[in-house]
PDB file of N, CA and C in Angstrom:
ATOM      1  N   UNK A   1     -26.828  16.490   4.896  1.00  0.00           N
ATOM      2  CA  UNK A   1     -26.138  15.297   4.459  1.00  0.00           C
ATOM      3  C   UNK A   1     -24.819  15.700   3.798  1.00  0.00           C
ATOM      4  N   UNK A   2     -23.727  15.062   4.203  1.00  0.00           N
ATOM      5  CA  UNK A   2     -22.429  15.373   3.623  1.00  0.00           C
ATOM      6  C   UNK A   2     -22.130  14.439   2.460  1.00  0.00           C
ATOM      7  N   UNK A   3     -21.555  15.013   1.421  1.00  0.00           N
ATOM      8  CA  UNK A   3     -21.131  14.220   0.271  1.00  0.00           C
ATOM      9  C   UNK A   3     -19.672  13.852   0.458  1.00  0.00           C
ATOM     10  N   UNK A   4     -19.352  12.602   0.194  1.00  0.00           N
ATOM     11  CA  UNK A   4     -17.957  12.181   0.281  1.00  0.00           C
ATOM     12  C   UNK A   4     -17.242  12.519  -1.020  1.00  0.00           C
ATOM     13  N   UNK A   5     -16.010  12.945  -0.872  1.00  0.00           N
ATOM     14  CA  UNK A   5     -15.173  13.193  -2.031  1.00  0.00           C
ATOM     15  C   UNK A   5     -14.941  11.867  -2.743  1.00  0.00           C
ATOM     16  N   UNK A   6     -15.050  11.839  -4.060  1.00  0.00           N
ATOM     17  CA  UNK A   6     -14.868  10.610  -4.824  1.00  0.00           C
ATOM     18  C   UNK A   6     -13.503   9.979  -4.567  1.00  0.00           C
ATOM     19  N   UNK A   7     -12.466  10.809  -4.381  1.00  0.00           N
ATOM     20  CA  UNK A   7     -11.128  10.305  -4.163  1.00  0.00           C
ATOM     21  C   UNK A   7     -10.979   9.618  -2.808  1.00  0.00           C
ATOM     22  N   UNK A   8     -11.838   9.941  -1.855  1.00  0.00           N
ATOM     23  CA  UNK A   8     -11.715   9.351  -0.533  1.00  0.00           C
ATOM     24  C   UNK A   8     -12.568   8.088  -0.390  1.00  0.00           C
ATOM     25  N   UNK A   9     -13.291   7.719  -1.431  1.00  0.00           N
ATOM     26  CA  UNK A   9     -14.117   6.527  -1.399  1.00  0.00           C
ATOM     27  C   UNK A   9     -13.236   5.294  -1.295  1.00  0.00           C
ATOM     28  N   UNK A  10     -13.494   4.439  -0.333  1.00  0.00           N
ATOM     29  CA  UNK A  10     -12.702   3.241  -0.114  1.00  0.00           C
ATOM     30  C   UNK A  10     -13.469   2.036  -0.635  1.00  0.00           C
ATOM     31  N   UNK A  11     -12.770   1.149  -1.299  1.00  0.00           N
ATOM     32  CA  UNK A  11     -13.384  -0.051  -1.831  1.00  0.00           C
ATOM     33  C   UNK A  11     -12.776  -1.244  -1.115  1.00  0.00           C
ATOM     34  N   UNK A  12     -13.617  -1.984  -0.418  1.00  0.00           N
ATOM     35  CA  UNK A  12     -13.143  -3.159   0.307  1.00  0.00           C
ATOM     36  C   UNK A  12     -12.957  -4.309  -0.675  1.00  0.00           C
ATOM     37  N   UNK A  13     -11.795  -4.915  -0.635  1.00  0.00           N
ATOM     38  CA  UNK A  13     -11.499  -6.031  -1.536  1.00  0.00           C
ATOM     39  C   UNK A  13     -11.618  -7.383  -0.838  1.00  0.00           C
ATOM     40  N   UNK A  14     -11.826  -7.368   0.454  1.00  0.00           N
ATOM     41  CA  UNK A  14     -12.029  -8.613   1.174  1.00  0.00           C
ATOM     42  C   UNK A  14     -10.756  -9.376   1.487  1.00  0.00           C
ATOM     43  N   UNK A  15      -9.599  -8.706   1.475  1.00  0.00           N
ATOM     44  CA  UNK A  15      -8.360  -9.381   1.801  1.00  0.00           C
ATOM     45  C   UNK A  15      -8.306  -9.665   3.290  1.00  0.00           C
ATOM     46  N   UNK A  16      -7.917 -10.865   3.637  1.00  0.00           N
ATOM     47  CA  UNK A  16      -7.772 -11.219   5.042  1.00  0.00           C
ATOM     48  C   UNK A  16      -6.289 -11.298   5.349  1.00  0.00           C
ATOM     49  N   UNK A  17      -5.880 -10.506   6.321  1.00  0.00           N
ATOM     50  CA  UNK A  17      -4.474 -10.442   6.689  1.00  0.00           C
ATOM     51  C   UNK A  17      -4.280 -11.040   8.067  1.00  0.00           C
ATOM     52  N   UNK A  18      -3.074 -11.532   8.305  1.00  0.00           N
ATOM     53  CA  UNK A  18      -2.752 -12.055   9.631  1.00  0.00           C
ATOM     54  C   UNK A  18      -2.753 -10.926  10.644  1.00  0.00           C
ATOM     55  N   UNK A  19      -2.929 -11.287  11.908  1.00  0.00           N
ATOM     56  CA  UNK A  19      -2.937 -10.308  12.982  1.00  0.00           C
ATOM     57  C   UNK A  19      -1.605  -9.563  13.028  1.00  0.00           C
ATOM     58  N   UNK A  20      -0.494 -10.288  12.840  1.00  0.00           N
ATOM     59  CA  UNK A  20       0.801  -9.608  12.900  1.00  0.00           C
ATOM     60  C   UNK A  20       0.962  -8.614  11.750  1.00  0.00           C
ATOM     61  N   UNK A  21       0.316  -8.871  10.613  1.00  0.00           N
ATOM     62  CA  UNK A  21       0.355  -7.929   9.492  1.00  0.00           C
ATOM     63  C   UNK A  21      -0.459  -6.680   9.835  1.00  0.00           C
ATOM     64  N   UNK A  22      -1.614  -6.873  10.448  1.00  0.00           N
ATOM     65  CA  UNK A  22      -2.423  -5.730  10.883  1.00  0.00           C
ATOM     66  C   UNK A  22      -1.649  -4.880  11.889  1.00  0.00           C
ATOM     67  N   UNK A  23      -0.953  -5.545  12.801  1.00  0.00           N
ATOM     68  CA  UNK A  23      -0.170  -4.818  13.808  1.00  0.00           C
ATOM     69  C   UNK A  23       0.966  -4.031  13.154  1.00  0.00           C
ATOM     70  N   UNK A  24       1.605  -4.622  12.172  1.00  0.00           N
ATOM     71  CA  UNK A  24       2.674  -3.931  11.455  1.00  0.00           C
ATOM     72  C   UNK A  24       2.140  -2.693  10.742  1.00  0.00           C
ATOM     73  N   UNK A  25       0.994  -2.831  10.106  1.00  0.00           N
ATOM     74  CA  UNK A  25       0.365  -1.696   9.422  1.00  0.00           C
ATOM     75  C   UNK A  25       0.037  -0.596  10.433  1.00  0.00           C
ATOM     76  N   UNK A  26      -0.526  -0.985  11.571  1.00  0.00           N
ATOM     77  CA  UNK A  26      -0.856   0.001  12.621  1.00  0.00           C
ATOM     78  C   UNK A  26       0.391   0.715  13.109  1.00  0.00           C
ATOM     79  N   UNK A  27       1.466  -0.029  13.337  1.00  0.00           N
ATOM     80  CA  UNK A  27       2.722   0.579  13.798  1.00  0.00           C
ATOM     81  C   UNK A  27       3.255   1.570  12.768  1.00  0.00           C
ATOM     82  N   UNK A  28       3.196   1.208  11.499  1.00  0.00           N
ATOM     83  CA  UNK A  28       3.648   2.113  10.439  1.00  0.00           C
ATOM     84  C   UNK A  28       2.765   3.363  10.377  1.00  0.00           C
ATOM     85  N   UNK A  29       1.472   3.199  10.620  1.00  0.00           N
ATOM     86  CA  UNK A  29       0.562   4.343  10.644  1.00  0.00           C
ATOM     87  C   UNK A  29       0.951   5.313  11.751  1.00  0.00           C
ATOM     88  N   UNK A  30       1.265   4.780  12.919  1.00  0.00           N
ATOM     89  CA  UNK A  30       1.637   5.630  14.061  1.00  0.00           C
ATOM     90  C   UNK A  30       2.932   6.372  13.757  1.00  0.00           C
ATOM     91  N   UNK A  31       3.910   5.659  13.209  1.00  0.00           N
ATOM     92  CA  UNK A  31       5.220   6.259  12.927  1.00  0.00           C
ATOM     93  C   UNK A  31       5.118   7.343  11.859  1.00  0.00           C
ATOM     94  N   UNK A  32       4.321   7.078  10.814  1.00  0.00           N
ATOM     95  CA  UNK A  32       4.278   7.977   9.656  1.00  0.00           C
ATOM     96  C   UNK A  32       3.113   8.954   9.655  1.00  0.00           C
ATOM     97  N   UNK A  33       2.141   8.745  10.517  1.00  0.00           N
ATOM     98  CA  UNK A  33       0.910   9.552  10.539  1.00  0.00           C
ATOM     99  C   UNK A  33       0.159   9.493   9.210  1.00  0.00           C
ATOM    100  N   UNK A  34       0.171   8.320   8.583  1.00  0.00           N
ATOM    101  CA  UNK A  34      -0.543   8.112   7.323  1.00  0.00           C
ATOM    102  C   UNK A  34      -1.704   7.157   7.540  1.00  0.00           C
ATOM    103  N   UNK A  35      -2.634   7.128   6.588  1.00  0.00           N
ATOM    104  CA  UNK A  35      -3.754   6.190   6.662  1.00  0.00           C
ATOM    105  C   UNK A  35      -3.262   4.786   6.307  1.00  0.00           C
ATOM    106  N   UNK A  36      -4.067   3.792   6.600  1.00  0.00           N
ATOM    107  CA  UNK A  36      -3.679   2.416   6.271  1.00  0.00           C
ATOM    108  C   UNK A  36      -3.525   2.248   4.758  1.00  0.00           C
ATOM    109  N   UNK A  37      -4.387   2.893   3.975  1.00  0.00           N
ATOM    110  CA  UNK A  37      -4.270   2.823   2.515  1.00  0.00           C
ATOM    111  C   UNK A  37      -2.943   3.399   2.042  1.00  0.00           C
ATOM    112  N   UNK A  38      -2.558   4.533   2.614  1.00  0.00           N
ATOM    113  CA  UNK A  38      -1.295   5.160   2.217  1.00  0.00           C
ATOM    114  C   UNK A  38      -0.106   4.291   2.616  1.00  0.00           C
ATOM    115  N   UNK A  39      -0.157   3.729   3.813  1.00  0.00           N
ATOM    116  CA  UNK A  39       0.924   2.862   4.289  1.00  0.00           C
ATOM    117  C   UNK A  39       1.058   1.649   3.369  1.00  0.00           C
ATOM    118  N   UNK A  40      -0.060   1.026   3.044  1.00  0.00           N
ATOM    119  CA  UNK A  40      -0.022  -0.156   2.178  1.00  0.00           C
ATOM    120  C   UNK A  40       0.462   0.189   0.774  1.00  0.00           C
ATOM    121  N   UNK A  41      -0.012   1.294   0.242  1.00  0.00           N
ATOM    122  CA  UNK A  41       0.391   1.708  -1.097  1.00  0.00           C
ATOM    123  C   UNK A  41       1.890   1.990  -1.167  1.00  0.00           C
ATOM    124  N   UNK A  42       2.386   2.766  -0.210  1.00  0.00           N
ATOM    125  CA  UNK A  42       3.811   3.091  -0.200  1.00  0.00           C
ATOM    126  C   UNK A  42       4.664   1.847   0.041  1.00  0.00           C
ATOM    127  N   UNK A  43       4.189   0.957   0.903  1.00  0.00           N
ATOM    128  CA  UNK A  43       4.921  -0.278   1.184  1.00  0.00           C
ATOM    129  C   UNK A  43       4.993  -1.170  -0.058  1.00  0.00           C
ATOM    130  N   UNK A  44       3.885  -1.278  -0.760  1.00  0.00           N
ATOM    131  CA  UNK A  44       3.870  -2.088  -1.990  1.00  0.00           C
ATOM    132  C   UNK A  44       4.787  -1.500  -3.055  1.00  0.00           C
ATOM    133  N   UNK A  45       4.768  -0.177  -3.205  1.00  0.00           N
ATOM    134  CA  UNK A  45       5.645   0.460  -4.191  1.00  0.00           C
ATOM    135  C   UNK A  45       7.116   0.248  -3.844  1.00  0.00           C
ATOM    136  N   UNK A  46       7.459   0.363  -2.559  1.00  0.00           N
ATOM    137  CA  UNK A  46       8.832   0.137  -2.121  1.00  0.00           C
ATOM    138  C   UNK A  46       9.251  -1.302  -2.400  1.00  0.00           C
ATOM    139  N   UNK A  47       8.388  -2.246  -2.102  1.00  0.00           N
ATOM    140  CA  UNK A  47       8.673  -3.666  -2.344  1.00  0.00           C
ATOM    141  C   UNK A  47       8.820  -3.934  -3.844  1.00  0.00           C
ATOM    142  N   UNK A  48       7.937  -3.352  -4.627  1.00  0.00           N
ATOM    143  CA  UNK A  48       7.970  -3.493  -6.086  1.00  0.00           C
ATOM    144  C   UNK A  48       9.300  -2.985  -6.654  1.00  0.00           C
ATOM    145  N   UNK A  49       9.713  -1.792  -6.219  1.00  0.00           N
ATOM    146  CA  UNK A  49      10.974  -1.213  -6.689  1.00  0.00           C
ATOM    147  C   UNK A  49      12.163  -2.063  -6.265  1.00  0.00           C
ATOM    148  N   UNK A  50      12.118  -2.602  -5.050  1.00  0.00           N
ATOM    149  CA  UNK A  50      13.193  -3.459  -4.542  1.00  0.00           C
ATOM    150  C   UNK A  50      13.336  -4.708  -5.404  1.00  0.00           C
ATOM    151  N   UNK A  51      12.222  -5.329  -5.754  1.00  0.00           N
ATOM    152  CA  UNK A  51      12.253  -6.525  -6.590  1.00  0.00           C
ATOM    153  C   UNK A  51      12.801  -6.203  -7.969  1.00  0.00           C
ATOM    154  N   UNK A  52      12.377  -5.082  -8.544  1.00  0.00           N
ATOM    155  CA  UNK A  52      12.880  -4.679  -9.857  1.00  0.00           C
ATOM    156  C   UNK A  52      14.390  -4.475  -9.814  1.00  0.00           C
ATOM    157  N   UNK A  53      14.881  -3.813  -8.766  1.00  0.00           N
ATOM    158  CA  UNK A  53      16.318  -3.569  -8.633  1.00  0.00           C
ATOM    159  C   UNK A  53      17.089  -4.880  -8.481  1.00  0.00           C
ATOM    160  N   UNK A  54      16.565  -5.806  -7.698  1.00  0.00           N
ATOM    161  CA  UNK A  54      17.227  -7.088  -7.479  1.00  0.00           C
ATOM    162  C   UNK A  54      17.324  -7.894  -8.767  1.00  0.00           C
ATOM    163  N   UNK A  55      16.330  -7.746  -9.626  1.00  0.00           N
ATOM    164  CA  UNK A  55      16.305  -8.487 -10.884  1.00  0.00           C
ATOM    165  C   UNK A  55      16.897  -7.691 -12.043  1.00  0.00           C
ATOM    166  N   UNK A  56      17.396  -6.505 -11.758  1.00  0.00           N
ATOM    167  CA  UNK A  56      18.002  -5.670 -12.793  1.00  0.00           C
ATOM    168  C   UNK A  56      17.029  -5.263 -13.875  1.00  0.00           C
ATOM    169  N   UNK A  57      15.796  -5.024 -13.497  1.00  0.00           N
ATOM    170  CA  UNK A  57      14.747  -4.684 -14.465  1.00  0.00           C
ATOM    171  C   UNK A  57      14.311  -3.238 -14.257  1.00  0.00           C
ATOM    172  N   UNK A  58      13.705  -2.672 -15.293  1.00  0.00           N
ATOM    173  CA  UNK A  58      13.104  -1.348 -15.182  1.00  0.00           C
ATOM    174  C   UNK A  58      11.587  -1.511 -15.278  1.00  0.00           C
ATOM    175  N   UNK A  59      10.863  -0.469 -14.922  1.00  0.00           N
ATOM    176  CA  UNK A  59       9.410  -0.513 -14.981  1.00  0.00           C
ATOM    177  C   UNK A  59       8.921  -0.751 -16.407  1.00  0.00           C
ATOM    178  N   UNK A  60       9.617  -0.212 -17.388  1.00  0.00           N
ATOM    179  CA  UNK A  60       9.185  -0.374 -18.771  1.00  0.00           C
ATOM    180  C   UNK A  60       9.330  -1.815 -19.232  1.00  0.00           C
ATOM    181  N   UNK A  61      10.338  -2.521 -18.721  1.00  0.00           N
ATOM    182  CA  UNK A  61      10.496  -3.928 -19.092  1.00  0.00           C
ATOM    183  C   UNK A  61       9.362  -4.784 -18.523  1.00  0.00           C
ATOM    184  N   UNK A  62       8.864  -4.416 -17.369  1.00  0.00           N
ATOM    185  CA  UNK A  62       7.797  -5.162 -16.724  1.00  0.00           C
ATOM    186  C   UNK A  62       6.474  -4.944 -17.437  1.00  0.00           C
ATOM    187  N   UNK A  63       6.219  -3.738 -17.899  1.00  0.00           N
ATOM    188  CA  UNK A  63       4.919  -3.414 -18.493  1.00  0.00           C
ATOM    189  C   UNK A  63       4.762  -3.894 -19.936  1.00  0.00           C
ATOM    190  N   UNK A  64       5.789  -4.461 -20.523  1.00  0.00           N
ATOM    191  CA  UNK A  64       5.700  -4.947 -21.911  1.00  0.00           C
ATOM    192  C   UNK A  64       4.846  -6.180 -22.031  1.00  0.00           C
TER     193      UNK A  64
END
């Protein structure tokens, strides 16, 4: 019996995404050779940073 690494344990949150969103994630996976979790995480961080820049905010201002 193989033990899974704790860091590789995936937790399903039950989010339902549109088919076109799933396709976009798949395309990004192919281009980057990353897992869907990595693609989503990096995409969210990029979007988060973009919003902060547009609003002239820093991460420390958001976490207050």
